[in-house]
Each structure stands twice: as structure tokens, then as C-alpha cells.
Amino acid sequence: VFEQRMAALEGETNVISTSSGWTVQFVAISTICSVSDNIISSYTSKIGINVKFVQGDDPEEFAKLINDKPKAIYLESMRNPKFNIPDFEAICKIAHDAGIPVIAENTCEYFIKPIEHGADIMLEPHSLMLYNLQGKFNPIYLFFYPH
């Protein structure tokens, strides 16, 4: 019921909830990848998947790494420490033209919704938004996927 309500609140159809950021990353990436597959990312993953790192958010840097047949491109919606926002439309077009899905970790859900800009899977922490009124901090991460 919780997942259905969160999907309705976000205007999405499919949601999986988890209790940690690591778990939501694992679910999203392991749904697409197997051990020894690779992804392209400006962010790290430590689950036995090879990561080809991109420095910065330049779409052309992502395009250069597609020749290794990655299973996904993994982005953060707003990266620390400079709060850079990647060009989702350009990176998603490059990925989709190559038949590669885009996973977006959306830590700033109030400012941007990557699924509306071409991402195929969106990961969001909702811990603060759903802060327990009794003063308890219960982490909740959501995994949105369109179908």
C-alpha cells in the first residue's frame, strides 16, 4: 500500500521502497547488470559491477565510453560539492541512441525529476520528507521505474 501511495503522490506507476541508499542502488543496478558487466557513471558503485568513471557532467565524456557496451549510465541529479546538475536530455539521448538505460539518483527531489528529462529509472531518498512525527528518523528510499 505504501508503494502504491508514493507512486500516486509522485505521479508514477511503479515504485519499490527500501530502507537504505545502498539497497536502492543495488536493486536498480543489479536489475540491469550481472557480475563483470560495466556501467558508466560519475558516481561510484561497489557491487561487483565494473564502473567506467566520467569526470564532470559533459555528455561527450559519457559518449566516449559507450564503445565498451555498458549496461547502464548512472547519474546523480545534483552532485556535491558544487551541486552540478547534469544535462539529462543530452546524456539520455546519447544513452538511448545506443540502447542503454539511464539510472538517476535524485537526492534533491524537490528541484528536479530526472524521469521527466529522459531517465529510465529514478532513485529517491524520502527520509526527510516523510520524517516521523514522533522524532524518529526512518530512512526510506524509492526506486521508480516506468514499466
N, C-alpha and C. Protein backbone atom coordinates (compact mmCIF):
# COMPACT_ATOMS: atom_id res chain seq x y z
N VAL A 1 0.83 -1.19 0.00
CA VAL A 1 0.00 0.00 0.00
C VAL A 1 0.88 1.26 0.00
N PHE A 2 1.94 1.26 0.81
CA PHE A 2 2.83 2.42 0.88
C PHE A 2 3.39 2.76 -0.50
N GLU A 3 3.89 1.74 -1.20
CA GLU A 3 4.49 1.98 -2.51
C GLU A 3 3.46 2.51 -3.51
N GLN A 4 2.23 2.00 -3.45
CA GLN A 4 1.18 2.49 -4.34
C GLN A 4 0.87 3.95 -4.05
N ARG A 5 0.84 4.31 -2.79
CA ARG A 5 0.55 5.71 -2.43
C ARG A 5 1.69 6.64 -2.84
N MET A 6 2.93 6.18 -2.67
CA MET A 6 4.07 7.00 -3.09
C MET A 6 4.09 7.16 -4.61
N ALA A 7 3.74 6.12 -5.33
CA ALA A 7 3.66 6.21 -6.79
C ALA A 7 2.61 7.24 -7.19
N ALA A 8 1.46 7.21 -6.54
CA ALA A 8 0.40 8.18 -6.84
C ALA A 8 0.85 9.60 -6.49
N LEU A 9 1.51 9.77 -5.35
CA LEU A 9 1.99 11.08 -4.92
C LEU A 9 2.99 11.65 -5.92
N GLU A 10 3.84 10.80 -6.47
CA GLU A 10 4.87 11.23 -7.42
C GLU A 10 4.38 11.24 -8.86
N GLY A 11 3.17 10.76 -9.11
CA GLY A 11 2.67 10.70 -10.48
C GLY A 11 3.32 9.61 -11.30
N GLU A 12 3.79 8.56 -10.65
CA GLU A 12 4.44 7.44 -11.32
C GLU A 12 3.56 6.20 -11.18
N THR A 13 3.95 5.12 -11.83
CA THR A 13 3.14 3.91 -11.77
C THR A 13 3.79 2.78 -10.98
N ASN A 14 5.09 2.71 -10.96
CA ASN A 14 5.78 1.60 -10.32
C ASN A 14 6.84 2.09 -9.34
N VAL A 15 6.79 1.59 -8.11
CA VAL A 15 7.73 2.01 -7.07
C VAL A 15 8.11 0.80 -6.23
N ILE A 16 9.38 0.72 -5.87
CA ILE A 16 9.85 -0.24 -4.88
C ILE A 16 10.49 0.59 -3.78
N SER A 17 10.16 0.31 -2.51
CA SER A 17 10.78 1.06 -1.41
C SER A 17 11.81 0.19 -0.71
N THR A 18 12.88 0.83 -0.22
CA THR A 18 13.92 0.15 0.55
C THR A 18 14.27 1.02 1.75
N SER A 19 15.08 0.47 2.64
CA SER A 19 15.43 1.22 3.85
C SER A 19 16.83 1.81 3.82
N SER A 20 17.54 1.70 2.69
CA SER A 20 18.87 2.31 2.64
C SER A 20 19.21 2.71 1.21
N GLY A 21 20.10 3.68 1.11
CA GLY A 21 20.56 4.12 -0.20
C GLY A 21 21.34 3.05 -0.92
N TRP A 22 22.14 2.27 -0.18
CA TRP A 22 22.91 1.20 -0.80
C TRP A 22 21.98 0.16 -1.40
N THR A 23 20.92 -0.18 -0.67
CA THR A 23 19.98 -1.19 -1.15
C THR A 23 19.28 -0.73 -2.42
N VAL A 24 18.85 0.52 -2.47
CA VAL A 24 18.16 1.00 -3.66
C VAL A 24 19.11 1.03 -4.85
N GLN A 25 20.39 1.37 -4.63
CA GLN A 25 21.37 1.31 -5.71
C GLN A 25 21.55 -0.13 -6.18
N PHE A 26 21.67 -1.06 -5.23
CA PHE A 26 21.84 -2.46 -5.58
C PHE A 26 20.66 -2.98 -6.40
N VAL A 27 19.45 -2.68 -5.95
CA VAL A 27 18.26 -3.14 -6.67
C VAL A 27 18.25 -2.58 -8.09
N ALA A 28 18.51 -1.30 -8.23
CA ALA A 28 18.46 -0.68 -9.56
C ALA A 28 19.54 -1.23 -10.49
N ILE A 29 20.77 -1.30 -10.01
CA ILE A 29 21.87 -1.72 -10.87
C ILE A 29 21.83 -3.23 -11.13
N SER A 30 21.54 -4.03 -10.10
CA SER A 30 21.54 -5.48 -10.30
C SER A 30 20.35 -5.95 -11.12
N THR A 31 19.33 -5.12 -11.26
CA THR A 31 18.21 -5.45 -12.14
C THR A 31 18.67 -5.47 -13.59
N ILE A 32 19.64 -4.64 -13.91
CA ILE A 32 20.12 -4.49 -15.28
C ILE A 32 21.42 -5.26 -15.51
N CYS A 33 22.29 -5.32 -14.50
CA CYS A 33 23.65 -5.84 -14.68
C CYS A 33 23.88 -7.17 -13.97
N SER A 34 24.88 -7.88 -14.46
CA SER A 34 25.42 -9.07 -13.80
C SER A 34 26.87 -8.78 -13.44
N VAL A 35 27.46 -9.67 -12.64
CA VAL A 35 28.87 -9.52 -12.28
C VAL A 35 29.71 -9.46 -13.55
N SER A 36 30.64 -8.55 -13.58
CA SER A 36 31.59 -8.26 -14.67
C SER A 36 31.00 -7.40 -15.78
N ASP A 37 29.70 -7.09 -15.75
CA ASP A 37 29.16 -6.09 -16.67
C ASP A 37 29.73 -4.75 -16.27
N ASN A 38 29.53 -3.73 -17.11
CA ASN A 38 30.00 -2.41 -16.73
C ASN A 38 28.93 -1.36 -16.92
N ILE A 39 29.07 -0.27 -16.17
CA ILE A 39 28.20 0.89 -16.30
C ILE A 39 29.11 2.11 -16.44
N ILE A 40 28.52 3.21 -16.89
CA ILE A 40 29.22 4.49 -16.97
C ILE A 40 28.63 5.38 -15.89
N SER A 41 29.48 6.03 -15.13
CA SER A 41 28.98 6.84 -14.02
C SER A 41 29.96 7.93 -13.64
N SER A 42 29.43 8.97 -13.05
CA SER A 42 30.27 9.98 -12.42
C SER A 42 30.25 9.74 -10.91
N TYR A 43 29.64 8.65 -10.50
CA TYR A 43 29.43 8.30 -9.11
C TYR A 43 29.84 6.83 -8.94
N THR A 44 30.14 6.42 -7.75
CA THR A 44 30.66 5.07 -7.52
C THR A 44 29.58 4.04 -7.20
N SER A 45 29.90 2.80 -7.47
CA SER A 45 29.07 1.66 -7.10
C SER A 45 30.01 0.54 -6.67
N LYS A 46 29.68 -0.16 -5.61
CA LYS A 46 30.59 -1.18 -5.08
C LYS A 46 29.89 -2.54 -5.00
N ILE A 47 29.30 -2.99 -6.07
CA ILE A 47 28.56 -4.25 -6.00
C ILE A 47 29.04 -5.27 -7.02
N GLY A 48 30.32 -5.24 -7.36
CA GLY A 48 30.87 -6.22 -8.28
C GLY A 48 30.67 -5.86 -9.74
N ILE A 49 30.17 -4.69 -10.01
CA ILE A 49 29.97 -4.21 -11.37
C ILE A 49 31.14 -3.29 -11.69
N ASN A 50 31.72 -3.43 -12.86
CA ASN A 50 32.80 -2.54 -13.27
C ASN A 50 32.23 -1.17 -13.62
N VAL A 51 32.84 -0.13 -13.10
CA VAL A 51 32.36 1.23 -13.35
C VAL A 51 33.39 1.98 -14.17
N LYS A 52 32.94 2.55 -15.29
CA LYS A 52 33.77 3.44 -16.11
C LYS A 52 33.41 4.85 -15.67
N PHE A 53 34.36 5.55 -15.06
CA PHE A 53 34.06 6.86 -14.49
C PHE A 53 34.21 7.99 -15.49
N VAL A 54 33.33 8.96 -15.36
CA VAL A 54 33.37 10.19 -16.15
C VAL A 54 33.68 11.32 -15.19
N GLN A 55 34.63 12.16 -15.55
CA GLN A 55 34.92 13.35 -14.75
C GLN A 55 33.98 14.45 -15.19
N GLY A 56 33.16 14.94 -14.28
CA GLY A 56 32.23 16.00 -14.61
C GLY A 56 30.95 15.47 -15.23
N ASP A 57 30.25 16.36 -15.92
CA ASP A 57 28.93 16.03 -16.47
C ASP A 57 28.83 16.28 -17.97
N ASP A 58 29.95 16.37 -18.67
CA ASP A 58 29.94 16.64 -20.10
C ASP A 58 29.36 15.44 -20.85
N PRO A 59 28.25 15.62 -21.58
CA PRO A 59 27.64 14.50 -22.31
C PRO A 59 28.62 13.78 -23.24
N GLU A 60 29.55 14.50 -23.85
CA GLU A 60 30.50 13.87 -24.77
C GLU A 60 31.44 12.91 -24.04
N GLU A 61 31.72 13.18 -22.78
CA GLU A 61 32.56 12.26 -22.00
C GLU A 61 31.84 10.93 -21.78
N PHE A 62 30.52 11.00 -21.60
CA PHE A 62 29.73 9.77 -21.48
C PHE A 62 29.73 9.03 -22.82
N ALA A 63 29.56 9.77 -23.91
CA ALA A 63 29.51 9.17 -25.25
C ALA A 63 30.80 8.41 -25.57
N LYS A 64 31.94 8.91 -25.15
CA LYS A 64 33.22 8.27 -25.43
C LYS A 64 33.32 6.87 -24.83
N LEU A 65 32.62 6.61 -23.74
CA LEU A 65 32.72 5.33 -23.05
C LEU A 65 31.69 4.30 -23.49
N ILE A 66 30.80 4.69 -24.37
CA ILE A 66 29.75 3.77 -24.79
C ILE A 66 30.29 2.62 -25.63
N ASN A 67 31.46 2.74 -26.21
CA ASN A 67 32.00 1.67 -27.04
C ASN A 67 32.29 0.39 -26.26
N ASP A 68 32.29 0.43 -24.94
CA ASP A 68 32.52 -0.76 -24.11
C ASP A 68 31.22 -1.52 -23.82
N LYS A 69 30.14 -1.17 -24.48
CA LYS A 69 28.84 -1.83 -24.30
C LYS A 69 28.37 -1.85 -22.84
N PRO A 70 28.25 -0.68 -22.23
CA PRO A 70 27.79 -0.65 -20.84
C PRO A 70 26.32 -1.06 -20.73
N LYS A 71 25.93 -1.53 -19.57
CA LYS A 71 24.55 -1.93 -19.33
C LYS A 71 23.69 -0.76 -18.87
N ALA A 72 24.32 0.31 -18.38
CA ALA A 72 23.56 1.47 -17.90
C ALA A 72 24.48 2.67 -17.75
N ILE A 73 23.86 3.84 -17.71
CA ILE A 73 24.54 5.06 -17.30
C ILE A 73 23.90 5.49 -15.99
N TYR A 74 24.72 5.76 -14.98
CA TYR A 74 24.25 6.11 -13.65
C TYR A 74 24.63 7.56 -13.37
N LEU A 75 23.62 8.38 -13.05
CA LEU A 75 23.84 9.81 -12.80
C LEU A 75 23.31 10.20 -11.43
N GLU A 76 23.85 11.27 -10.90
CA GLU A 76 23.28 11.93 -9.73
C GLU A 76 22.62 13.21 -10.23
N SER A 77 21.46 13.55 -9.68
CA SER A 77 20.76 14.74 -10.16
C SER A 77 21.44 16.03 -9.74
N MET A 78 22.06 16.04 -8.59
CA MET A 78 22.75 17.24 -8.11
C MET A 78 23.97 16.77 -7.32
N ARG A 79 25.16 16.96 -7.88
CA ARG A 79 26.37 16.39 -7.31
C ARG A 79 27.06 17.34 -6.35
N ASN A 80 27.54 16.76 -5.25
CA ASN A 80 28.38 17.51 -4.32
C ASN A 80 29.79 17.59 -4.89
N PRO A 81 30.59 18.53 -4.55
CA PRO A 81 30.32 19.64 -3.63
C PRO A 81 29.78 20.88 -4.33
N LYS A 82 29.72 20.88 -5.67
CA LYS A 82 29.34 22.09 -6.40
C LYS A 82 27.87 22.13 -6.78
N PHE A 83 27.12 21.10 -6.48
CA PHE A 83 25.71 21.00 -6.84
C PHE A 83 25.49 21.10 -8.34
N ASN A 84 26.38 20.46 -9.11
CA ASN A 84 26.23 20.42 -10.56
C ASN A 84 25.02 19.58 -10.93
N ILE A 85 24.28 20.04 -11.93
CA ILE A 85 23.15 19.28 -12.46
C ILE A 85 23.53 18.83 -13.87
N PRO A 86 23.53 17.52 -14.13
CA PRO A 86 23.91 17.06 -15.46
C PRO A 86 22.88 17.46 -16.51
N ASP A 87 23.29 17.49 -17.75
CA ASP A 87 22.39 17.75 -18.86
C ASP A 87 21.65 16.45 -19.16
N PHE A 88 20.57 16.21 -18.42
CA PHE A 88 19.85 14.95 -18.55
C PHE A 88 19.40 14.66 -19.98
N GLU A 89 18.84 15.67 -20.65
CA GLU A 89 18.34 15.44 -22.00
C GLU A 89 19.45 14.96 -22.93
N ALA A 90 20.60 15.62 -22.90
CA ALA A 90 21.71 15.26 -23.80
C ALA A 90 22.28 13.89 -23.44
N ILE A 91 22.50 13.63 -22.16
CA ILE A 91 23.07 12.34 -21.76
C ILE A 91 22.08 11.21 -22.02
N CYS A 92 20.79 11.44 -21.75
CA CYS A 92 19.78 10.41 -22.01
C CYS A 92 19.65 10.13 -23.51
N LYS A 93 19.75 11.15 -24.34
CA LYS A 93 19.69 10.94 -25.79
C LYS A 93 20.86 10.08 -26.25
N ILE A 94 22.06 10.38 -25.78
CA ILE A 94 23.25 9.59 -26.12
C ILE A 94 23.03 8.14 -25.68
N ALA A 95 22.56 7.95 -24.46
CA ALA A 95 22.34 6.60 -23.93
C ALA A 95 21.27 5.86 -24.72
N HIS A 96 20.14 6.51 -24.94
CA HIS A 96 19.02 5.85 -25.62
C HIS A 96 19.34 5.54 -27.08
N ASP A 97 20.11 6.41 -27.74
CA ASP A 97 20.53 6.13 -29.11
C ASP A 97 21.37 4.86 -29.18
N ALA A 98 22.06 4.54 -28.09
CA ALA A 98 22.89 3.33 -28.02
C ALA A 98 22.14 2.16 -27.36
N GLY A 99 20.86 2.38 -27.01
CA GLY A 99 20.07 1.32 -26.38
C GLY A 99 20.43 1.06 -24.93
N ILE A 100 20.90 2.10 -24.24
CA ILE A 100 21.36 1.96 -22.86
C ILE A 100 20.40 2.72 -21.93
N PRO A 101 19.91 2.08 -20.85
CA PRO A 101 19.05 2.79 -19.90
C PRO A 101 19.85 3.73 -19.01
N VAL A 102 19.16 4.74 -18.50
CA VAL A 102 19.77 5.73 -17.60
C VAL A 102 19.13 5.60 -16.21
N ILE A 103 19.98 5.43 -15.20
CA ILE A 103 19.55 5.39 -13.80
C ILE A 103 19.96 6.72 -13.19
N ALA A 104 19.04 7.41 -12.54
CA ALA A 104 19.34 8.70 -11.93
C ALA A 104 19.06 8.65 -10.43
N GLU A 105 20.09 8.95 -9.64
CA GLU A 105 19.91 9.08 -8.20
C GLU A 105 19.51 10.52 -7.94
N ASN A 106 18.30 10.70 -7.44
CA ASN A 106 17.72 12.04 -7.31
C ASN A 106 17.66 12.45 -5.84
N THR A 107 18.76 12.96 -5.33
CA THR A 107 18.82 13.33 -3.92
C THR A 107 18.10 14.64 -3.62
N CYS A 108 17.76 15.39 -4.63
CA CYS A 108 17.08 16.69 -4.44
C CYS A 108 15.74 16.65 -5.15
N GLU A 109 14.86 15.79 -4.65
CA GLU A 109 13.60 15.53 -5.35
C GLU A 109 12.69 16.74 -5.51
N TYR A 110 12.90 17.79 -4.76
CA TYR A 110 12.04 18.97 -4.88
C TYR A 110 12.41 19.84 -6.07
N PHE A 111 13.64 19.70 -6.58
CA PHE A 111 14.13 20.60 -7.61
C PHE A 111 14.08 20.03 -9.02
N ILE A 112 14.20 18.73 -9.14
CA ILE A 112 14.26 18.12 -10.47
C ILE A 112 13.70 16.70 -10.39
N LYS A 113 13.11 16.26 -11.47
CA LYS A 113 12.58 14.90 -11.57
C LYS A 113 13.19 14.27 -12.82
N PRO A 114 14.29 13.53 -12.70
CA PRO A 114 15.01 13.01 -13.86
C PRO A 114 14.16 12.20 -14.83
N ILE A 115 13.15 11.50 -14.34
CA ILE A 115 12.29 10.72 -15.24
C ILE A 115 11.60 11.63 -16.25
N GLU A 116 11.32 12.86 -15.88
CA GLU A 116 10.70 13.81 -16.81
C GLU A 116 11.69 14.34 -17.84
N HIS A 117 12.97 14.07 -17.65
CA HIS A 117 14.01 14.55 -18.56
C HIS A 117 14.73 13.41 -19.27
N GLY A 118 14.12 12.21 -19.27
CA GLY A 118 14.64 11.11 -20.05
C GLY A 118 15.20 9.93 -19.28
N ALA A 119 15.41 10.06 -17.97
CA ALA A 119 15.94 8.92 -17.20
C ALA A 119 14.93 7.78 -17.20
N ASP A 120 15.43 6.56 -17.20
CA ASP A 120 14.56 5.39 -17.23
C ASP A 120 14.21 4.90 -15.83
N ILE A 121 15.13 5.06 -14.91
CA ILE A 121 14.95 4.64 -13.52
C ILE A 121 15.37 5.79 -12.63
N MET A 122 14.58 6.07 -11.58
CA MET A 122 14.89 7.18 -10.68
C MET A 122 14.93 6.65 -9.25
N LEU A 123 15.99 6.98 -8.53
CA LEU A 123 16.15 6.59 -7.13
C LEU A 123 16.03 7.85 -6.28
N GLU A 124 15.18 7.80 -5.25
CA GLU A 124 14.99 8.99 -4.41
C GLU A 124 14.98 8.64 -2.94
N PRO A 125 15.69 9.45 -2.11
CA PRO A 125 15.55 9.30 -0.66
C PRO A 125 14.36 10.16 -0.21
N HIS A 126 13.49 9.59 0.58
CA HIS A 126 12.34 10.34 1.09
C HIS A 126 12.34 10.39 2.60
N SER A 127 13.51 10.22 3.20
CA SER A 127 13.60 10.19 4.65
C SER A 127 13.15 11.48 5.30
N LEU A 128 13.61 12.60 4.79
CA LEU A 128 13.27 13.87 5.42
C LEU A 128 11.84 14.28 5.11
N MET A 129 11.39 14.00 3.89
CA MET A 129 10.02 14.36 3.53
C MET A 129 9.02 13.60 4.39
N LEU A 130 9.35 12.36 4.72
CA LEU A 130 8.43 11.52 5.49
C LEU A 130 8.90 11.34 6.93
N TYR A 131 9.56 12.37 7.47
CA TYR A 131 10.10 12.30 8.83
C TYR A 131 8.99 11.95 9.81
N ASN A 132 9.26 10.98 10.63
CA ASN A 132 8.28 10.51 11.60
C ASN A 132 7.96 11.61 12.61
N LEU A 133 6.70 11.86 12.83
CA LEU A 133 6.28 12.93 13.75
C LEU A 133 6.69 12.66 15.19
N GLN A 134 7.06 11.44 15.51
CA GLN A 134 7.48 11.12 16.87
C GLN A 134 8.97 11.37 17.07
N GLY A 135 9.62 11.98 16.09
CA GLY A 135 11.03 12.30 16.22
C GLY A 135 11.97 11.18 15.83
N LYS A 136 11.47 10.15 15.18
CA LYS A 136 12.31 9.04 14.75
C LYS A 136 12.68 9.22 13.29
N PHE A 137 13.93 8.94 13.00
CA PHE A 137 14.42 9.05 11.63
C PHE A 137 14.40 7.66 11.00
N ASN A 138 13.49 7.43 10.09
CA ASN A 138 13.37 6.15 9.41
C ASN A 138 13.71 6.33 7.94
N PRO A 139 14.90 5.88 7.51
CA PRO A 139 15.27 6.09 6.11
C PRO A 139 14.36 5.33 5.15
N ILE A 140 13.95 6.00 4.11
CA ILE A 140 13.11 5.39 3.07
C ILE A 140 13.67 5.84 1.73
N TYR A 141 13.97 4.89 0.87
CA TYR A 141 14.45 5.19 -0.48
C TYR A 141 13.49 4.55 -1.46
N LEU A 142 13.19 5.27 -2.51
CA LEU A 142 12.24 4.77 -3.50
C LEU A 142 12.93 4.55 -4.84
N PHE A 143 12.53 3.50 -5.52
CA PHE A 143 13.07 3.09 -6.81
C PHE A 143 11.90 3.18 -7.79
N PHE A 144 11.91 4.22 -8.64
CA PHE A 144 10.84 4.43 -9.61
C PHE A 144 11.26 3.86 -10.96
N TYR A 145 10.39 3.10 -11.56
CA TYR A 145 10.66 2.59 -12.91
C TYR A 145 9.36 2.65 -13.70
N PRO A 146 9.43 3.03 -14.96
CA PRO A 146 8.21 3.28 -15.72
C PRO A 146 7.39 2.06 -16.09
N HIS A 147 7.99 0.90 -16.27
CA HIS A 147 7.20 -0.29 -16.65
C HIS A 147 7.87 -1.56 -16.21
